[in-house]
């Protein structure tokens, strides 16, 4: 029986790259050393590192306890992947998360429109077309918030449902490691703790290893990505029709009234 692996991923407002947490194996032994890779790019490639001064929060949750990750546990791999070194504890279903500080970026109109189309921020792209603002550049404030769920030992725990109180966050309705190929994954998307309705969400998978690159344009998202919208309660569901490592992502963008 092939297990389904799930990664929870989310972003707020805007990002020039997506952010993912990845592991070589999502099934670990208790009380052993392991690593989690922080990708800034796509699910399969990382373009550059995330420095520790950008991290507002980095946590691992297990046995009902949230442990803050010390900056000394991070290192860099080939100047493109940020690596977390940690040691597992008791058996259970673990959650790790990273939340970054906001940054500003300015894009010319053409680059901004291409970004919206490439990363699937289609509601904003449609609004720009409707408003006749496709020729206007944009100054964006963006931050990124990501979670990963992995299993230590055989015993399941309830930590998979932990809400990390990030500005935007996916919360599964069931333990992903109780699901099998062909089952449906259901989750709720929260914005500042409140269900976010009518939000475009994308789910995808990888059945191979991962690689990294140094800068440059990153690859398009997997052509088999599932696109869906959350309902009035912020719920979404999709079928796990492939074995492999699954992710869910969204970019929530709003018009800002902040100066600049």
C-alpha atoms as a PDB file:
ATOM      1  CA  UNK A   1       0.000   0.000   0.000  1.00  0.00           C
ATOM      2  CA  UNK A   2       1.586   3.242  -1.134  1.00  0.00           C
ATOM      3  CA  UNK A   3       1.341   6.006   1.424  1.00  0.00           C
ATOM      4  CA  UNK A   4       0.287   9.511   0.516  1.00  0.00           C
ATOM      5  CA  UNK A   5       2.589  12.276   1.720  1.00  0.00           C
ATOM      6  CA  UNK A   6       1.291  15.796   2.177  1.00  0.00           C
ATOM      7  CA  UNK A   7       2.905  19.193   2.437  1.00  0.00           C
ATOM      8  CA  UNK A   8       0.881  22.225   3.447  1.00  0.00           C
ATOM      9  CA  UNK A   9       1.922  25.430   1.758  1.00  0.00           C
ATOM     10  CA  UNK A  10       0.511  28.925   1.789  1.00  0.00           C
ATOM     11  CA  UNK A  11       1.471  32.506   0.994  1.00  0.00           C
ATOM     12  CA  UNK A  12       0.027  35.907   1.735  1.00  0.00           C
ATOM     13  CA  UNK A  13      -0.419  38.892  -0.566  1.00  0.00           C
ATOM     14  CA  UNK A  14       2.421  38.302  -3.021  1.00  0.00           C
ATOM     15  CA  UNK A  15       5.667  36.456  -3.541  1.00  0.00           C
ATOM     16  CA  UNK A  16       8.199  36.535  -6.330  1.00  0.00           C
ATOM     17  CA  UNK A  17       8.853  32.839  -5.622  1.00  0.00           C
ATOM     18  CA  UNK A  18       6.883  30.148  -3.865  1.00  0.00           C
ATOM     19  CA  UNK A  19       8.183  28.665  -0.612  1.00  0.00           C
ATOM     20  CA  UNK A  20       8.084  25.006   0.401  1.00  0.00           C
ATOM     21  CA  UNK A  21       9.406  22.795   3.164  1.00  0.00           C
ATOM     22  CA  UNK A  22      10.713  19.457   1.862  1.00  0.00           C
ATOM     23  CA  UNK A  23      12.235  16.289   3.248  1.00  0.00           C
ATOM     24  CA  UNK A  24      14.039  13.344   1.680  1.00  0.00           C
ATOM     25  CA  UNK A  25      11.758  11.076   3.697  1.00  0.00           C
ATOM     26  CA  UNK A  26       8.560  11.995   5.506  1.00  0.00           C
ATOM     27  CA  UNK A  27       8.777   8.856   7.678  1.00  0.00           C
ATOM     28  CA  UNK A  28      11.400   9.142  10.410  1.00  0.00           C
ATOM     29  CA  UNK A  29      12.480   7.072  13.380  1.00  0.00           C
ATOM     30  CA  UNK A  30      12.068   8.453  16.914  1.00  0.00           C
ATOM     31  CA  UNK A  31      15.048  10.122  18.581  1.00  0.00           C
ATOM     32  CA  UNK A  32      17.116  10.448  15.425  1.00  0.00           C
ATOM     33  CA  UNK A  33      18.780  13.372  13.647  1.00  0.00           C
ATOM     34  CA  UNK A  34      17.202  14.612  10.423  1.00  0.00           C
ATOM     35  CA  UNK A  35      16.899  17.664   8.167  1.00  0.00           C
ATOM     36  CA  UNK A  36      14.159  19.754   6.539  1.00  0.00           C
ATOM     37  CA  UNK A  37      14.953  21.763   3.413  1.00  0.00           C
ATOM     38  CA  UNK A  38      13.411  25.199   2.903  1.00  0.00           C
ATOM     39  CA  UNK A  39      12.905  25.850  -0.817  1.00  0.00           C
ATOM     40  CA  UNK A  40      12.456  29.337  -2.235  1.00  0.00           C
ATOM     41  CA  UNK A  41      11.415  28.841  -5.854  1.00  0.00           C
ATOM     42  CA  UNK A  42       9.261  25.890  -6.852  1.00  0.00           C
ATOM     43  CA  UNK A  43       8.408  22.548  -5.295  1.00  0.00           C
ATOM     44  CA  UNK A  44      11.318  20.935  -7.155  1.00  0.00           C
ATOM     45  CA  UNK A  45      13.863  23.763  -7.367  1.00  0.00           C
ATOM     46  CA  UNK A  46      15.198  26.400  -5.002  1.00  0.00           C
ATOM     47  CA  UNK A  47      16.682  29.613  -6.366  1.00  0.00           C
ATOM     48  CA  UNK A  48      18.047  31.197  -3.208  1.00  0.00           C
ATOM     49  CA  UNK A  49      18.200  30.887   0.550  1.00  0.00           C
ATOM     50  CA  UNK A  50      15.902  32.380   3.192  1.00  0.00           C
ATOM     51  CA  UNK A  51      18.101  34.076   5.784  1.00  0.00           C
ATOM     52  CA  UNK A  52      17.313  33.763   9.479  1.00  0.00           C
ATOM     53  CA  UNK A  53      16.630  37.482   9.865  1.00  0.00           C
ATOM     54  CA  UNK A  54      13.623  37.052   7.544  1.00  0.00           C
ATOM     55  CA  UNK A  55      12.034  34.400   9.748  1.00  0.00           C
ATOM     56  CA  UNK A  56       9.440  35.746  12.157  1.00  0.00           C
ATOM     57  CA  UNK A  57       8.673  32.223  13.336  1.00  0.00           C
ATOM     58  CA  UNK A  58      10.183  28.777  12.898  1.00  0.00           C
ATOM     59  CA  UNK A  59       8.608  26.008  14.983  1.00  0.00           C
ATOM     60  CA  UNK A  60       8.259  22.245  15.318  1.00  0.00           C
ATOM     61  CA  UNK A  61       5.177  20.833  17.064  1.00  0.00           C
ATOM     62  CA  UNK A  62       4.945  17.338  18.561  1.00  0.00           C
ATOM     63  CA  UNK A  63       3.422  15.740  21.656  1.00  0.00           C
ATOM     64  CA  UNK A  64       1.243  18.839  22.037  1.00  0.00           C
ATOM     65  CA  UNK A  65       4.275  21.122  22.534  1.00  0.00           C
ATOM     66  CA  UNK A  66       5.428  23.877  20.190  1.00  0.00           C
ATOM     67  CA  UNK A  67       9.199  24.199  20.140  1.00  0.00           C
ATOM     68  CA  UNK A  68      10.834  27.289  18.658  1.00  0.00           C
ATOM     69  CA  UNK A  69      13.737  26.532  16.334  1.00  0.00           C
ATOM     70  CA  UNK A  70      17.008  28.169  17.320  1.00  0.00           C
ATOM     71  CA  UNK A  71      18.883  30.063  14.608  1.00  0.00           C
ATOM     72  CA  UNK A  72      21.924  27.836  15.210  1.00  0.00           C
ATOM     73  CA  UNK A  73      19.980  24.875  13.783  1.00  0.00           C
ATOM     74  CA  UNK A  74      19.952  26.430  10.287  1.00  0.00           C
ATOM     75  CA  UNK A  75      22.602  26.237   7.585  1.00  0.00           C
ATOM     76  CA  UNK A  76      22.833  26.789   3.818  1.00  0.00           C
ATOM     77  CA  UNK A  77      23.299  24.291   0.998  1.00  0.00           C
ATOM     78  CA  UNK A  78      25.003  25.614  -2.151  1.00  0.00           C
ATOM     79  CA  UNK A  79      23.685  29.143  -1.490  1.00  0.00           C
ATOM     80  CA  UNK A  80      20.237  28.080  -2.692  1.00  0.00           C
ATOM     81  CA  UNK A  81      18.604  25.871  -0.039  1.00  0.00           C
ATOM     82  CA  UNK A  82      18.161  26.677   3.653  1.00  0.00           C
ATOM     83  CA  UNK A  83      18.544  23.545   5.809  1.00  0.00           C
ATOM     84  CA  UNK A  84      17.082  22.898   9.262  1.00  0.00           C
ATOM     85  CA  UNK A  85      18.904  20.348  11.429  1.00  0.00           C
ATOM     86  CA  UNK A  86      16.816  18.817  14.194  1.00  0.00           C
ATOM     87  CA  UNK A  87      16.312  15.669  16.248  1.00  0.00           C
ATOM     88  CA  UNK A  88      13.023  13.824  16.485  1.00  0.00           C
ATOM     89  CA  UNK A  89      11.519  12.864  19.822  1.00  0.00           C
ATOM     90  CA  UNK A  90       8.647  10.561  20.709  1.00  0.00           C
ATOM     91  CA  UNK A  91       6.549   8.874  17.984  1.00  0.00           C
ATOM     92  CA  UNK A  92       3.725  10.913  16.482  1.00  0.00           C
ATOM     93  CA  UNK A  93       2.596  13.096  13.598  1.00  0.00           C
ATOM     94  CA  UNK A  94       4.735  16.242  13.601  1.00  0.00           C
ATOM     95  CA  UNK A  95       4.196  19.738  12.162  1.00  0.00           C
ATOM     96  CA  UNK A  96       6.928  22.235  11.290  1.00  0.00           C
ATOM     97  CA  UNK A  97       6.357  25.794  10.090  1.00  0.00           C
ATOM     98  CA  UNK A  98       8.155  28.925   8.920  1.00  0.00           C
ATOM     99  CA  UNK A  99       6.698  32.434   8.671  1.00  0.00           C
ATOM    100  CA  UNK A 100       8.636  35.309   7.081  1.00  0.00           C
ATOM    101  CA  UNK A 101       8.755  39.073   7.503  1.00  0.00           C
ATOM    102  CA  UNK A 102       7.135  41.265   4.872  1.00  0.00           C
ATOM    103  CA  UNK A 103       9.248  42.747   2.105  1.00  0.00           C
ATOM    104  CA  UNK A 104       8.525  45.208  -0.684  1.00  0.00           C
ATOM    105  CA  UNK A 105       9.259  44.659  -4.360  1.00  0.00           C
ATOM    106  CA  UNK A 106       8.523  46.819  -7.397  1.00  0.00           C
ATOM    107  CA  UNK A 107       7.600  45.271 -10.754  1.00  0.00           C
ATOM    108  CA  UNK A 108       6.975  46.852 -14.113  1.00  0.00           C
ATOM    109  CA  UNK A 109       3.520  46.242 -15.572  1.00  0.00           C
ATOM    110  CA  UNK A 110       4.602  43.479 -17.983  1.00  0.00           C
ATOM    111  CA  UNK A 111       6.518  41.568 -15.302  1.00  0.00           C
ATOM    112  CA  UNK A 112       3.684  41.945 -12.807  1.00  0.00           C
ATOM    113  CA  UNK A 113       1.075  40.663 -15.283  1.00  0.00           C
ATOM    114  CA  UNK A 114       3.296  37.715 -16.212  1.00  0.00           C
ATOM    115  CA  UNK A 115       3.770  36.899 -12.549  1.00  0.00           C
ATOM    116  CA  UNK A 116       0.015  36.924 -11.888  1.00  0.00           C
ATOM    117  CA  UNK A 117      -0.585  34.543 -14.796  1.00  0.00           C
ATOM    118  CA  UNK A 118       2.374  32.269 -14.057  1.00  0.00           C
ATOM    119  CA  UNK A 119       1.574  31.728 -10.388  1.00  0.00           C
ATOM    120  CA  UNK A 120      -2.207  31.608 -10.817  1.00  0.00           C
ATOM    121  CA  UNK A 121      -3.264  34.865  -9.150  1.00  0.00           C
ATOM    122  CA  UNK A 122      -6.021  35.027 -11.726  1.00  0.00           C
ATOM    123  CA  UNK A 123      -8.575  37.108  -9.818  1.00  0.00           C
ATOM    124  CA  UNK A 124      -6.184  40.053  -9.602  1.00  0.00           C
ATOM    125  CA  UNK A 125      -5.226  39.616 -13.250  1.00  0.00           C
ATOM    126  CA  UNK A 126      -8.896  39.649 -14.273  1.00  0.00           C
ATOM    127  CA  UNK A 127      -9.514  42.733 -12.125  1.00  0.00           C
ATOM    128  CA  UNK A 128      -6.627  44.570 -13.805  1.00  0.00           C
ATOM    129  CA  UNK A 129      -8.087  43.737 -17.202  1.00  0.00           C
ATOM    130  CA  UNK A 130     -11.526  44.906 -16.089  1.00  0.00           C
ATOM    131  CA  UNK A 131     -10.185  48.153 -14.607  1.00  0.00           C
ATOM    132  CA  UNK A 132      -7.937  48.882 -17.570  1.00  0.00           C
ATOM    133  CA  UNK A 133      -4.810  48.914 -15.383  1.00  0.00           C
ATOM    134  CA  UNK A 134      -2.764  46.273 -17.220  1.00  0.00           C
ATOM    135  CA  UNK A 135      -0.215  48.970 -18.122  1.00  0.00           C
ATOM    136  CA  UNK A 136       0.371  50.022 -14.509  1.00  0.00           C
ATOM    137  CA  UNK A 137       3.390  48.869 -12.517  1.00  0.00           C
ATOM    138  CA  UNK A 138       3.016  47.621  -8.945  1.00  0.00           C
ATOM    139  CA  UNK A 139       4.762  47.935  -5.604  1.00  0.00           C
ATOM    140  CA  UNK A 140       4.016  44.857  -3.545  1.00  0.00           C
ATOM    141  CA  UNK A 141       4.411  43.914   0.093  1.00  0.00           C
ATOM    142  CA  UNK A 142       4.722  40.150   0.390  1.00  0.00           C
ATOM    143  CA  UNK A 143       5.408  37.526   3.008  1.00  0.00           C
ATOM    144  CA  UNK A 144       5.355  33.741   3.008  1.00  0.00           C
ATOM    145  CA  UNK A 145       3.996  31.174   5.439  1.00  0.00           C
ATOM    146  CA  UNK A 146       4.547  27.434   5.090  1.00  0.00           C
ATOM    147  CA  UNK A 147       3.879  24.216   6.993  1.00  0.00           C
ATOM    148  CA  UNK A 148       4.965  20.605   6.613  1.00  0.00           C
ATOM    149  CA  UNK A 149       3.503  17.451   8.174  1.00  0.00           C
ATOM    150  CA  UNK A 150       5.634  14.343   8.712  1.00  0.00           C
ATOM    151  CA  UNK A 151       5.397  11.079  10.621  1.00  0.00           C
ATOM    152  CA  UNK A 152       7.797   9.853  13.326  1.00  0.00           C
ATOM    153  CA  UNK A 153       7.498   6.163  14.189  1.00  0.00           C
ATOM    154  CA  UNK A 154       4.200   4.316  13.779  1.00  0.00           C
ATOM    155  CA  UNK A 155       2.011   5.989  16.399  1.00  0.00           C
ATOM    156  CA  UNK A 156      -0.274   8.761  15.177  1.00  0.00           C
ATOM    157  CA  UNK A 157      -0.850  11.912  17.221  1.00  0.00           C
ATOM    158  CA  UNK A 158      -3.205  14.892  16.975  1.00  0.00           C
ATOM    159  CA  UNK A 159      -0.497  17.487  16.273  1.00  0.00           C
ATOM    160  CA  UNK A 160      -1.333  17.512  12.546  1.00  0.00           C
ATOM    161  CA  UNK A 161      -4.335  19.761  13.322  1.00  0.00           C
ATOM    162  CA  UNK A 162      -2.209  22.402  15.070  1.00  0.00           C
ATOM    163  CA  UNK A 163      -2.968  25.997  14.055  1.00  0.00           C
ATOM    164  CA  UNK A 164       0.276  27.996  14.058  1.00  0.00           C
ATOM    165  CA  UNK A 165      -1.582  31.339  13.957  1.00  0.00           C
ATOM    166  CA  UNK A 166       0.162  32.482  10.793  1.00  0.00           C
ATOM    167  CA  UNK A 167      -1.514  35.293   8.792  1.00  0.00           C
ATOM    168  CA  UNK A 168      -2.679  32.674   6.291  1.00  0.00           C
ATOM    169  CA  UNK A 169      -2.727  28.941   6.936  1.00  0.00           C
ATOM    170  CA  UNK A 170      -4.101  25.615   5.727  1.00  0.00           C
ATOM    171  CA  UNK A 171      -5.466  23.264   8.408  1.00  0.00           C
ATOM    172  CA  UNK A 172      -6.249  19.642   7.420  1.00  0.00           C
ATOM    173  CA  UNK A 173      -9.484  18.074   8.628  1.00  0.00           C
ATOM    174  CA  UNK A 174      -7.925  14.612   8.951  1.00  0.00           C
ATOM    175  CA  UNK A 175      -4.450  13.245   9.584  1.00  0.00           C
ATOM    176  CA  UNK A 176      -2.855  13.014   6.104  1.00  0.00           C
ATOM    177  CA  UNK A 177      -1.117   9.777   7.131  1.00  0.00           C
ATOM    178  CA  UNK A 178      -4.481   8.097   7.629  1.00  0.00           C
ATOM    179  CA  UNK A 179      -5.230   8.666   3.929  1.00  0.00           C
ATOM    180  CA  UNK A 180      -4.399   6.443   0.980  1.00  0.00           C
ATOM    181  CA  UNK A 181      -4.208   6.847  -2.764  1.00  0.00           C
ATOM    182  CA  UNK A 182      -7.722   7.559  -4.079  1.00  0.00           C
ATOM    183  CA  UNK A 183      -8.905   9.293  -0.888  1.00  0.00           C
ATOM    184  CA  UNK A 184      -9.877  12.957  -0.715  1.00  0.00           C
ATOM    185  CA  UNK A 185      -7.834  15.469   1.237  1.00  0.00           C
ATOM    186  CA  UNK A 186      -9.964  18.117   2.952  1.00  0.00           C
ATOM    187  CA  UNK A 187      -8.695  21.266   4.623  1.00  0.00           C
ATOM    188  CA  UNK A 188      -9.703  24.711   5.751  1.00  0.00           C
ATOM    189  CA  UNK A 189      -7.909  27.904   4.726  1.00  0.00           C
ATOM    190  CA  UNK A 190      -7.683  30.583   7.416  1.00  0.00           C
ATOM    191  CA  UNK A 191      -6.823  34.280   7.020  1.00  0.00           C
ATOM    192  CA  UNK A 192      -5.951  35.812  10.389  1.00  0.00           C
ATOM    193  CA  UNK A 193      -7.788  32.898  11.963  1.00  0.00           C
ATOM    194  CA  UNK A 194     -10.983  33.458   9.937  1.00  0.00           C
ATOM    195  CA  UNK A 195     -12.108  31.121   7.103  1.00  0.00           C
ATOM    196  CA  UNK A 196     -11.116  32.562   3.712  1.00  0.00           C
ATOM    197  CA  UNK A 197     -13.842  31.963   1.127  1.00  0.00           C
ATOM    198  CA  UNK A 198     -13.730  31.962  -2.684  1.00  0.00           C
ATOM    199  CA  UNK A 199      -9.927  31.752  -2.703  1.00  0.00           C
ATOM    200  CA  UNK A 200      -8.107  30.018  -5.566  1.00  0.00           C
ATOM    201  CA  UNK A 201      -6.093  27.078  -4.234  1.00  0.00           C
ATOM    202  CA  UNK A 202      -3.717  24.746  -6.068  1.00  0.00           C
ATOM    203  CA  UNK A 203      -2.697  21.201  -5.174  1.00  0.00           C
ATOM    204  CA  UNK A 204       0.115  19.236  -6.774  1.00  0.00           C
ATOM    205  CA  UNK A 205       2.470  16.329  -6.277  1.00  0.00           C
ATOM    206  CA  UNK A 206       5.947  15.075  -7.019  1.00  0.00           C
ATOM    207  CA  UNK A 207       6.863  11.419  -7.403  1.00  0.00           C
ATOM    208  CA  UNK A 208      10.602  12.002  -7.772  1.00  0.00           C
ATOM    209  CA  UNK A 209      13.506  13.600  -5.967  1.00  0.00           C
ATOM    210  CA  UNK A 210      14.301  17.269  -5.767  1.00  0.00           C
ATOM    211  CA  UNK A 211      16.993  19.492  -7.208  1.00  0.00           C
ATOM    212  CA  UNK A 212      18.076  23.087  -7.005  1.00  0.00           C
ATOM    213  CA  UNK A 213      19.316  25.868  -9.250  1.00  0.00           C
ATOM    214  CA  UNK A 214      21.122  29.149  -8.785  1.00  0.00           C
ATOM    215  CA  UNK A 215      18.923  32.100  -9.716  1.00  0.00           C
ATOM    216  CA  UNK A 216      17.099  32.684 -12.975  1.00  0.00           C
ATOM    217  CA  UNK A 217      13.516  32.057 -13.933  1.00  0.00           C
ATOM    218  CA  UNK A 218      11.933  29.101 -12.188  1.00  0.00           C
ATOM    219  CA  UNK A 219       9.998  26.384 -13.915  1.00  0.00           C
ATOM    220  CA  UNK A 220       6.230  26.602 -14.402  1.00  0.00           C
ATOM    221  CA  UNK A 221       4.133  24.808 -11.831  1.00  0.00           C
ATOM    222  CA  UNK A 222       3.295  21.175 -12.559  1.00  0.00           C
ATOM    223  CA  UNK A 223       0.796  20.956 -15.395  1.00  0.00           C
ATOM    224  CA  UNK A 224      -1.219  18.453 -13.352  1.00  0.00           C
ATOM    225  CA  UNK A 225      -1.881  20.938 -10.552  1.00  0.00           C
ATOM    226  CA  UNK A 226      -5.465  20.781  -9.343  1.00  0.00           C
ATOM    227  CA  UNK A 227      -7.205  24.166  -9.166  1.00  0.00           C
ATOM    228  CA  UNK A 228     -10.130  24.731  -6.835  1.00  0.00           C
ATOM    229  CA  UNK A 229     -11.849  27.465  -4.822  1.00  0.00           C
ATOM    230  CA  UNK A 230     -12.618  27.454  -1.146  1.00  0.00           C
ATOM    231  CA  UNK A 231     -16.287  27.495  -0.165  1.00  0.00           C
ATOM    232  CA  UNK A 232     -18.017  29.883   2.247  1.00  0.00           C
ATOM    233  CA  UNK A 233     -16.365  28.137   5.186  1.00  0.00           C
ATOM    234  CA  UNK A 234     -12.907  28.261   3.624  1.00  0.00           C
ATOM    235  CA  UNK A 235     -13.029  24.538   2.861  1.00  0.00           C
ATOM    236  CA  UNK A 236     -11.442  22.820  -0.128  1.00  0.00           C
ATOM    237  CA  UNK A 237     -10.939  19.182  -1.098  1.00  0.00           C
ATOM    238  CA  UNK A 238      -9.082  17.300  -3.798  1.00  0.00           C
ATOM    239  CA  UNK A 239      -8.461  13.697  -4.706  1.00  0.00           C
ATOM    240  CA  UNK A 240      -5.102  12.093  -3.967  1.00  0.00           C
ATOM    241  CA  UNK A 241      -4.993  10.261  -7.281  1.00  0.00           C
ATOM    242  CA  UNK A 242      -1.212   9.770  -7.339  1.00  0.00           C
ATOM    243  CA  UNK A 243       1.273   8.333  -4.898  1.00  0.00           C
ATOM    244  CA  UNK A 244       4.029  10.773  -3.971  1.00  0.00           C
ATOM    245  CA  UNK A 245       4.716  13.996  -2.104  1.00  0.00           C
ATOM    246  CA  UNK A 246       1.759  16.393  -2.192  1.00  0.00           C
ATOM    247  CA  UNK A 247       1.646  20.133  -1.641  1.00  0.00           C
ATOM    248  CA  UNK A 248      -1.106  22.743  -1.441  1.00  0.00           C
ATOM    249  CA  UNK A 249      -0.460  26.403  -2.180  1.00  0.00           C
ATOM    250  CA  UNK A 250      -2.284  29.690  -2.491  1.00  0.00           C
ATOM    251  CA  UNK A 251      -1.424  33.357  -2.967  1.00  0.00           C
ATOM    252  CA  UNK A 252      -3.858  35.796  -1.384  1.00  0.00           C
ATOM    253  CA  UNK A 253      -3.471  39.310  -2.766  1.00  0.00           C
ATOM    254  CA  UNK A 254      -5.392  42.444  -1.855  1.00  0.00           C
ATOM    255  CA  UNK A 255      -5.206  46.116  -2.824  1.00  0.00           C
ATOM    256  CA  UNK A 256      -3.283  47.978  -0.129  1.00  0.00           C
ATOM    257  CA  UNK A 257      -4.094  51.435   1.220  1.00  0.00           C
ATOM    258  CA  UNK A 258      -0.721  51.773   2.963  1.00  0.00           C
ATOM    259  CA  UNK A 259       1.424  54.731   1.914  1.00  0.00           C
ATOM    260  CA  UNK A 260       3.828  53.688  -0.873  1.00  0.00           C
END
